[in-house]
């Protein structure tokens, strides 16, 4: 997810680039639950 504020025509009173990245994995052990 990325956010861009205050650059060019965006105007405002703050300017920044904000970005987040997330990775998840789920590993089941057979049919044991």
ModelCIF file with pLDDT and N, C-alpha, C, O atoms, coordinates in Angstrom:
data_MODEL
#
_entry.id   MODEL 
#
_entity.id                         1 
_entity.type                       polymer 
_entity.pdbx_number_of_molecules   1 
#
_entity_poly.entity_id                      1 
_entity_poly.type                           'polypeptide(L)' 
_entity_poly.nstd_linkage                   no 
_entity_poly.nstd_monomer                   no 
_entity_poly.pdbx_seq_one_letter_code       
;(UNK)(UNK)(UNK)(UNK)(UNK)(UNK)(UNK)(UNK)(UNK)(UNK)(UNK)(UNK)(UNK)(UNK)(UNK)(UNK)
(UNK)(UNK)(UNK)(UNK)(UNK)(UNK)(UNK)(UNK)(UNK)(UNK)(UNK)(UNK)(UNK)(UNK)(UNK)(UNK)
(UNK)
;
_entity_poly.pdbx_seq_one_letter_code_can   XXXXXXXXXXXXXXXXXXXXXXXXXXXXXXXXX 
_entity_poly.pdbx_strand_id                 A 
#
loop_
_entity_poly_seq.entity_id 
_entity_poly_seq.num 
_entity_poly_seq.mon_id 
_entity_poly_seq.hetero 
1 1  UNK n 
1 2  UNK n 
1 3  UNK n 
1 4  UNK n 
1 5  UNK n 
1 6  UNK n 
1 7  UNK n 
1 8  UNK n 
1 9  UNK n 
1 10 UNK n 
1 11 UNK n 
1 12 UNK n 
1 13 UNK n 
1 14 UNK n 
1 15 UNK n 
1 16 UNK n 
1 17 UNK n 
1 18 UNK n 
1 19 UNK n 
1 20 UNK n 
1 21 UNK n 
1 22 UNK n 
1 23 UNK n 
1 24 UNK n 
1 25 UNK n 
1 26 UNK n 
1 27 UNK n 
1 28 UNK n 
1 29 UNK n 
1 30 UNK n 
1 31 UNK n 
1 32 UNK n 
1 33 UNK n 
#
_struct_asym.id          A 
_struct_asym.entity_id   1 
#
loop_
_ma_qa_metric.id 
_ma_qa_metric.mode 
_ma_qa_metric.name 
_ma_qa_metric.software_group_id 
_ma_qa_metric.type 
1 global pLDDT . pLDDT 
2 local  pLDDT . pLDDT 
#
_ma_qa_metric_global.metric_id      1 
_ma_qa_metric_global.metric_value   91.58 
_ma_qa_metric_global.model_id       1 
_ma_qa_metric_global.ordinal_id     1 
#
loop_
_ma_qa_metric_local.label_asym_id 
_ma_qa_metric_local.label_comp_id 
_ma_qa_metric_local.label_seq_id 
_ma_qa_metric_local.metric_id 
_ma_qa_metric_local.metric_value 
_ma_qa_metric_local.model_id 
_ma_qa_metric_local.ordinal_id 
A UNK 1  2 97.00 1 1  
A UNK 2  2 97.00 1 2  
A UNK 3  2 96.00 1 3  
A UNK 4  2 94.00 1 4  
A UNK 5  2 92.00 1 5  
A UNK 6  2 88.00 1 6  
A UNK 7  2 85.00 1 7  
A UNK 8  2 80.00 1 8  
A UNK 9  2 82.00 1 9  
A UNK 10 2 80.00 1 10 
A UNK 11 2 80.00 1 11 
A UNK 12 2 84.00 1 12 
A UNK 13 2 87.00 1 13 
A UNK 14 2 90.00 1 14 
A UNK 15 2 91.00 1 15 
A UNK 16 2 93.00 1 16 
A UNK 17 2 95.00 1 17 
A UNK 18 2 97.00 1 18 
A UNK 19 2 98.00 1 19 
A UNK 20 2 97.00 1 20 
A UNK 21 2 97.00 1 21 
A UNK 22 2 96.00 1 22 
A UNK 23 2 96.00 1 23 
A UNK 24 2 95.00 1 24 
A UNK 25 2 96.00 1 25 
A UNK 26 2 95.00 1 26 
A UNK 27 2 96.00 1 27 
A UNK 28 2 94.00 1 28 
A UNK 29 2 93.00 1 29 
A UNK 30 2 90.00 1 30 
A UNK 31 2 90.00 1 31 
A UNK 32 2 91.00 1 32 
A UNK 33 2 90.00 1 33 
#
loop_
_atom_site.group_PDB 
_atom_site.id 
_atom_site.type_symbol 
_atom_site.label_atom_id 
_atom_site.label_alt_id 
_atom_site.label_comp_id 
_atom_site.label_asym_id 
_atom_site.label_entity_id 
_atom_site.label_seq_id 
_atom_site.pdbx_PDB_ins_code 
_atom_site.Cartn_x 
_atom_site.Cartn_y 
_atom_site.Cartn_z 
_atom_site.occupancy 
_atom_site.B_iso_or_equiv 
_atom_site.pdbx_formal_charge 
_atom_site.auth_seq_id 
_atom_site.auth_comp_id 
_atom_site.auth_asym_id 
_atom_site.auth_atom_id 
_atom_site.pdbx_PDB_model_num 
ATOM 1   N N  . UNK A 1 1  ? 0.863  -1.181  0.000  1.00 97.00 ? 1  UNK A N  1 
ATOM 2   C CA . UNK A 1 1  ? 0.000  0.000   0.000  1.00 97.00 ? 1  UNK A CA 1 
ATOM 3   C C  . UNK A 1 1  ? 0.898  1.229   0.000  1.00 97.00 ? 1  UNK A C  1 
ATOM 4   O O  . UNK A 1 1  ? 1.805  1.332   0.825  1.00 97.00 ? 1  UNK A O  1 
ATOM 5   N N  . UNK A 1 2  ? 0.655  2.159   -0.915 1.00 97.00 ? 2  UNK A N  1 
ATOM 6   C CA . UNK A 1 2  ? 1.470  3.370   -0.997 1.00 97.00 ? 2  UNK A CA 1 
ATOM 7   C C  . UNK A 1 2  ? 0.585  4.604   -1.018 1.00 97.00 ? 2  UNK A C  1 
ATOM 8   O O  . UNK A 1 2  ? -0.550 4.570   -1.495 1.00 97.00 ? 2  UNK A O  1 
ATOM 9   N N  . UNK A 1 3  ? 1.124  5.688   -0.493 1.00 96.00 ? 3  UNK A N  1 
ATOM 10  C CA . UNK A 1 3  ? 0.388  6.952   -0.406 1.00 96.00 ? 3  UNK A CA 1 
ATOM 11  C C  . UNK A 1 3  ? 1.317  8.092   -0.805 1.00 96.00 ? 3  UNK A C  1 
ATOM 12  O O  . UNK A 1 3  ? 2.467  8.143   -0.370 1.00 96.00 ? 3  UNK A O  1 
ATOM 13  N N  . UNK A 1 4  ? 0.818  8.998   -1.628 1.00 94.00 ? 4  UNK A N  1 
ATOM 14  C CA . UNK A 1 4  ? 1.580  10.161  -2.066 1.00 94.00 ? 4  UNK A CA 1 
ATOM 15  C C  . UNK A 1 4  ? 0.797  11.409  -1.706 1.00 94.00 ? 4  UNK A C  1 
ATOM 16  O O  . UNK A 1 4  ? -0.375 11.534  -2.062 1.00 94.00 ? 4  UNK A O  1 
ATOM 17  N N  . UNK A 1 5  ? 1.435  12.334  -1.002 1.00 92.00 ? 5  UNK A N  1 
ATOM 18  C CA . UNK A 1 5  ? 0.734  13.539  -0.545 1.00 92.00 ? 5  UNK A CA 1 
ATOM 19  C C  . UNK A 1 5  ? 1.524  14.787  -0.909 1.00 92.00 ? 5  UNK A C  1 
ATOM 20  O O  . UNK A 1 5  ? 2.753  14.801  -0.839 1.00 92.00 ? 5  UNK A O  1 
ATOM 21  N N  . UNK A 1 6  ? 0.798  15.846  -1.301 1.00 88.00 ? 6  UNK A N  1 
ATOM 22  C CA . UNK A 1 6  ? 1.378  17.174  -1.452 1.00 88.00 ? 6  UNK A CA 1 
ATOM 23  C C  . UNK A 1 6  ? 2.254  17.399  -2.650 1.00 88.00 ? 6  UNK A C  1 
ATOM 24  O O  . UNK A 1 6  ? 2.945  18.416  -2.705 1.00 88.00 ? 6  UNK A O  1 
ATOM 25  N N  . UNK A 1 7  ? 2.265  16.495  -3.623 1.00 85.00 ? 7  UNK A N  1 
ATOM 26  C CA . UNK A 1 7  ? 3.131  16.635  -4.785 1.00 85.00 ? 7  UNK A CA 1 
ATOM 27  C C  . UNK A 1 7  ? 2.329  17.130  -5.982 1.00 85.00 ? 7  UNK A C  1 
ATOM 28  O O  . UNK A 1 7  ? 1.237  16.629  -6.249 1.00 85.00 ? 7  UNK A O  1 
ATOM 29  N N  . UNK A 1 8  ? 2.866  18.110  -6.703 1.00 80.00 ? 8  UNK A N  1 
ATOM 30  C CA . UNK A 1 8  ? 2.209  18.636  -7.899 1.00 80.00 ? 8  UNK A CA 1 
ATOM 31  C C  . UNK A 1 8  ? 0.835  19.201  -7.597 1.00 80.00 ? 8  UNK A C  1 
ATOM 32  O O  . UNK A 1 8  ? 0.698  20.051  -6.717 1.00 80.00 ? 8  UNK A O  1 
ATOM 33  N N  . UNK A 1 9  ? -0.195 18.741  -8.317 1.00 82.00 ? 9  UNK A N  1 
ATOM 34  C CA . UNK A 1 9  ? -1.544 19.295  -8.123 1.00 82.00 ? 9  UNK A CA 1 
ATOM 35  C C  . UNK A 1 9  ? -2.234 18.816  -6.846 1.00 82.00 ? 9  UNK A C  1 
ATOM 36  O O  . UNK A 1 9  ? -3.350 19.254  -6.565 1.00 82.00 ? 9  UNK A O  1 
ATOM 37  N N  . UNK A 1 10 ? -1.609 17.930  -6.063 1.00 80.00 ? 10 UNK A N  1 
ATOM 38  C CA . UNK A 1 10 ? -2.253 17.417  -4.848 1.00 80.00 ? 10 UNK A CA 1 
ATOM 39  C C  . UNK A 1 10 ? -2.387 18.486  -3.771 1.00 80.00 ? 10 UNK A C  1 
ATOM 40  O O  . UNK A 1 10 ? -3.281 18.415  -2.928 1.00 80.00 ? 10 UNK A O  1 
ATOM 41  N N  . UNK A 1 11 ? -1.480 19.494  -3.799 1.00 80.00 ? 11 UNK A N  1 
ATOM 42  C CA . UNK A 1 11 ? -1.546 20.614  -2.844 1.00 80.00 ? 11 UNK A CA 1 
ATOM 43  C C  . UNK A 1 11 ? -1.493 20.124  -1.401 1.00 80.00 ? 11 UNK A C  1 
ATOM 44  O O  . UNK A 1 11 ? -0.901 19.082  -1.121 1.00 80.00 ? 11 UNK A O  1 
ATOM 45  N N  . UNK A 1 12 ? -2.106 20.868  -0.487 1.00 84.00 ? 12 UNK A N  1 
ATOM 46  C CA . UNK A 1 12 ? -2.097 20.495  0.922  1.00 84.00 ? 12 UNK A CA 1 
ATOM 47  C C  . UNK A 1 12 ? -0.982 21.191  1.686  1.00 84.00 ? 12 UNK A C  1 
ATOM 48  O O  . UNK A 1 12 ? -0.290 22.054  1.146  1.00 84.00 ? 12 UNK A O  1 
ATOM 49  N N  . UNK A 1 13 ? -0.815 20.810  2.948  1.00 87.00 ? 13 UNK A N  1 
ATOM 50  C CA . UNK A 1 13 ? 0.216  21.417  3.788  1.00 87.00 ? 13 UNK A CA 1 
ATOM 51  C C  . UNK A 1 13 ? 1.264  20.410  4.238  1.00 87.00 ? 13 UNK A C  1 
ATOM 52  O O  . UNK A 1 13 ? 2.110  20.739  5.069  1.00 87.00 ? 13 UNK A O  1 
ATOM 53  N N  . UNK A 1 14 ? 1.228  19.188  3.709  1.00 90.00 ? 14 UNK A N  1 
ATOM 54  C CA . UNK A 1 14 ? 2.257  18.186  3.952  1.00 90.00 ? 14 UNK A CA 1 
ATOM 55  C C  . UNK A 1 14 ? 2.614  17.543  2.622  1.00 90.00 ? 14 UNK A C  1 
ATOM 56  O O  . UNK A 1 14 ? 1.816  17.541  1.685  1.00 90.00 ? 14 UNK A O  1 
ATOM 57  N N  . UNK A 1 15 ? 3.821  16.998  2.551  1.00 91.00 ? 15 UNK A N  1 
ATOM 58  C CA . UNK A 1 15 ? 4.252  16.304  1.343  1.00 91.00 ? 15 UNK A CA 1 
ATOM 59  C C  . UNK A 1 15 ? 5.127  15.125  1.742  1.00 91.00 ? 15 UNK A C  1 
ATOM 60  O O  . UNK A 1 15 ? 6.128  15.291  2.439  1.00 91.00 ? 15 UNK A O  1 
ATOM 61  N N  . UNK A 1 16 ? 4.743  13.932  1.294  1.00 93.00 ? 16 UNK A N  1 
ATOM 62  C CA . UNK A 1 16 ? 5.519  12.744  1.640  1.00 93.00 ? 16 UNK A CA 1 
ATOM 63  C C  . UNK A 1 16 ? 5.127  11.593  0.731  1.00 93.00 ? 16 UNK A C  1 
ATOM 64  O O  . UNK A 1 16 ? 4.082  11.602  0.082  1.00 93.00 ? 16 UNK A O  1 
ATOM 65  N N  . UNK A 1 17 ? 6.018  10.590  0.712  1.00 95.00 ? 17 UNK A N  1 
ATOM 66  C CA . UNK A 1 17 ? 5.708  9.301   0.103  1.00 95.00 ? 17 UNK A CA 1 
ATOM 67  C C  . UNK A 1 17 ? 5.720  8.265   1.221  1.00 95.00 ? 17 UNK A C  1 
ATOM 68  O O  . UNK A 1 17 ? 6.702  8.150   1.955  1.00 95.00 ? 17 UNK A O  1 
ATOM 69  N N  . UNK A 1 18 ? 4.648  7.523   1.350  1.00 97.00 ? 18 UNK A N  1 
ATOM 70  C CA . UNK A 1 18 ? 4.489  6.558   2.430  1.00 97.00 ? 18 UNK A CA 1 
ATOM 71  C C  . UNK A 1 18 ? 4.141  5.210   1.818  1.00 97.00 ? 18 UNK A C  1 
ATOM 72  O O  . UNK A 1 18 ? 3.229  5.105   0.998  1.00 97.00 ? 18 UNK A O  1 
ATOM 73  N N  . UNK A 1 19 ? 4.871  4.190   2.220  1.00 98.00 ? 19 UNK A N  1 
ATOM 74  C CA . UNK A 1 19 ? 4.649  2.874   1.622  1.00 98.00 ? 19 UNK A CA 1 
ATOM 75  C C  . UNK A 1 19 ? 4.799  1.781   2.672  1.00 98.00 ? 19 UNK A C  1 
ATOM 76  O O  . UNK A 1 19 ? 5.660  1.857   3.549  1.00 98.00 ? 19 UNK A O  1 
ATOM 77  N N  . UNK A 1 20 ? 3.941  0.756   2.570  1.00 97.00 ? 20 UNK A N  1 
ATOM 78  C CA . UNK A 1 20 ? 4.007  -0.412  3.435  1.00 97.00 ? 20 UNK A CA 1 
ATOM 79  C C  . UNK A 1 20 ? 3.959  -1.669  2.577  1.00 97.00 ? 20 UNK A C  1 
ATOM 80  O O  . UNK A 1 20 ? 3.298  -1.701  1.539  1.00 97.00 ? 20 UNK A O  1 
ATOM 81  N N  . UNK A 1 21 ? 4.659  -2.691  3.018  1.00 97.00 ? 21 UNK A N  1 
ATOM 82  C CA . UNK A 1 21 ? 4.642  -3.988  2.343  1.00 97.00 ? 21 UNK A CA 1 
ATOM 83  C C  . UNK A 1 21 ? 4.452  -5.078  3.384  1.00 97.00 ? 21 UNK A C  1 
ATOM 84  O O  . UNK A 1 21 ? 4.982  -4.996  4.492  1.00 97.00 ? 21 UNK A O  1 
ATOM 85  N N  . UNK A 1 22 ? 3.691  -6.099  3.015  1.00 96.00 ? 22 UNK A N  1 
ATOM 86  C CA . UNK A 1 22 ? 3.395  -7.192  3.940  1.00 96.00 ? 22 UNK A CA 1 
ATOM 87  C C  . UNK A 1 22 ? 3.424  -8.522  3.198  1.00 96.00 ? 22 UNK A C  1 
ATOM 88  O O  . UNK A 1 22 ? 2.966  -8.620  2.060  1.00 96.00 ? 22 UNK A O  1 
ATOM 89  N N  . UNK A 1 23 ? 3.962  -9.533  3.848  1.00 96.00 ? 23 UNK A N  1 
ATOM 90  C CA . UNK A 1 23 ? 3.988  -10.876 3.283  1.00 96.00 ? 23 UNK A CA 1 
ATOM 91  C C  . UNK A 1 23 ? 3.597  -11.872 4.365  1.00 96.00 ? 23 UNK A C  1 
ATOM 92  O O  . UNK A 1 23 ? 4.100  -11.795 5.485  1.00 96.00 ? 23 UNK A O  1 
ATOM 93  N N  . UNK A 1 24 ? 2.711  -12.800 4.046  1.00 95.00 ? 24 UNK A N  1 
ATOM 94  C CA . UNK A 1 24 ? 2.276  -13.813 5.000  1.00 95.00 ? 24 UNK A CA 1 
ATOM 95  C C  . UNK A 1 24 ? 2.222  -15.177 4.322  1.00 95.00 ? 24 UNK A C  1 
ATOM 96  O O  . UNK A 1 24 ? 1.997  -15.284 3.117  1.00 95.00 ? 24 UNK A O  1 
ATOM 97  N N  . UNK A 1 25 ? 2.432  -16.205 5.118  1.00 96.00 ? 25 UNK A N  1 
ATOM 98  C CA . UNK A 1 25 ? 2.379  -17.567 4.609  1.00 96.00 ? 25 UNK A CA 1 
ATOM 99  C C  . UNK A 1 25 ? 1.743  -18.459 5.666  1.00 96.00 ? 25 UNK A C  1 
ATOM 100 O O  . UNK A 1 25 ? 1.939  -18.255 6.864  1.00 96.00 ? 25 UNK A O  1 
ATOM 101 N N  . UNK A 1 26 ? 0.979  -19.449 5.213  1.00 95.00 ? 26 UNK A N  1 
ATOM 102 C CA . UNK A 1 26 ? 0.359  -20.435 6.103  1.00 95.00 ? 26 UNK A CA 1 
ATOM 103 C C  . UNK A 1 26 ? 0.710  -21.830 5.595  1.00 95.00 ? 26 UNK A C  1 
ATOM 104 O O  . UNK A 1 26 ? 0.460  -22.163 4.436  1.00 95.00 ? 26 UNK A O  1 
ATOM 105 N N  . UNK A 1 27 ? 1.292  -22.638 6.478  1.00 96.00 ? 27 UNK A N  1 
ATOM 106 C CA . UNK A 1 27 ? 1.721  -23.988 6.100  1.00 96.00 ? 27 UNK A CA 1 
ATOM 107 C C  . UNK A 1 27 ? 0.960  -25.021 6.922  1.00 96.00 ? 27 UNK A C  1 
ATOM 108 O O  . UNK A 1 27 ? 1.248  -25.188 8.107  1.00 96.00 ? 27 UNK A O  1 
ATOM 109 N N  . UNK A 1 28 ? -0.009 -25.722 6.320  1.00 94.00 ? 28 UNK A N  1 
ATOM 110 C CA . UNK A 1 28 ? -0.738 -26.772 7.052  1.00 94.00 ? 28 UNK A CA 1 
ATOM 111 C C  . UNK A 1 28 ? 0.085  -28.044 7.157  1.00 94.00 ? 28 UNK A C  1 
ATOM 112 O O  . UNK A 1 28 ? 0.848  -28.378 6.250  1.00 94.00 ? 28 UNK A O  1 
ATOM 113 N N  . UNK A 1 29 ? -0.073 -28.755 8.272  1.00 93.00 ? 29 UNK A N  1 
ATOM 114 C CA . UNK A 1 29 ? 0.598  -30.033 8.462  1.00 93.00 ? 29 UNK A CA 1 
ATOM 115 C C  . UNK A 1 29 ? -0.385 -31.147 8.122  1.00 93.00 ? 29 UNK A C  1 
ATOM 116 O O  . UNK A 1 29 ? -1.054 -31.695 8.998  1.00 93.00 ? 29 UNK A O  1 
ATOM 117 N N  . UNK A 1 30 ? -0.458 -31.466 6.850  1.00 90.00 ? 30 UNK A N  1 
ATOM 118 C CA . UNK A 1 30 ? -1.352 -32.520 6.389  1.00 90.00 ? 30 UNK A CA 1 
ATOM 119 C C  . UNK A 1 30 ? -2.802 -32.199 6.706  1.00 90.00 ? 30 UNK A C  1 
ATOM 120 O O  . UNK A 1 30 ? -3.253 -31.067 6.531  1.00 90.00 ? 30 UNK A O  1 
ATOM 121 N N  . UNK A 1 31 ? -3.526 -33.206 7.173  1.00 90.00 ? 31 UNK A N  1 
ATOM 122 C CA . UNK A 1 31 ? -4.939 -33.043 7.500  1.00 90.00 ? 31 UNK A CA 1 
ATOM 123 C C  . UNK A 1 31 ? -5.156 -33.070 9.021  1.00 90.00 ? 31 UNK A C  1 
ATOM 124 O O  . UNK A 1 31 ? -6.202 -33.500 9.507  1.00 90.00 ? 31 UNK A O  1 
ATOM 125 N N  . UNK A 1 32 ? -4.151 -32.605 9.746  1.00 91.00 ? 32 UNK A N  1 
ATOM 126 C CA . UNK A 1 32 ? -4.204 -32.651 11.207 1.00 91.00 ? 32 UNK A CA 1 
ATOM 127 C C  . UNK A 1 32 ? -4.911 -31.463 11.832 1.00 91.00 ? 32 UNK A C  1 
ATOM 128 O O  . UNK A 1 32 ? -5.275 -31.503 13.007 1.00 91.00 ? 32 UNK A O  1 
ATOM 129 N N  . UNK A 1 33 ? -5.110 -30.402 11.053 1.00 90.00 ? 33 UNK A N  1 
ATOM 130 C CA . UNK A 1 33 ? -5.665 -29.176 11.611 1.00 90.00 ? 33 UNK A CA 1 
ATOM 131 C C  . UNK A 1 33 ? -4.625 -28.270 12.233 1.00 90.00 ? 33 UNK A C  1 
ATOM 132 O O  . UNK A 1 33 ? -4.962 -27.201 12.741 1.00 90.00 ? 33 UNK A O  1 
#
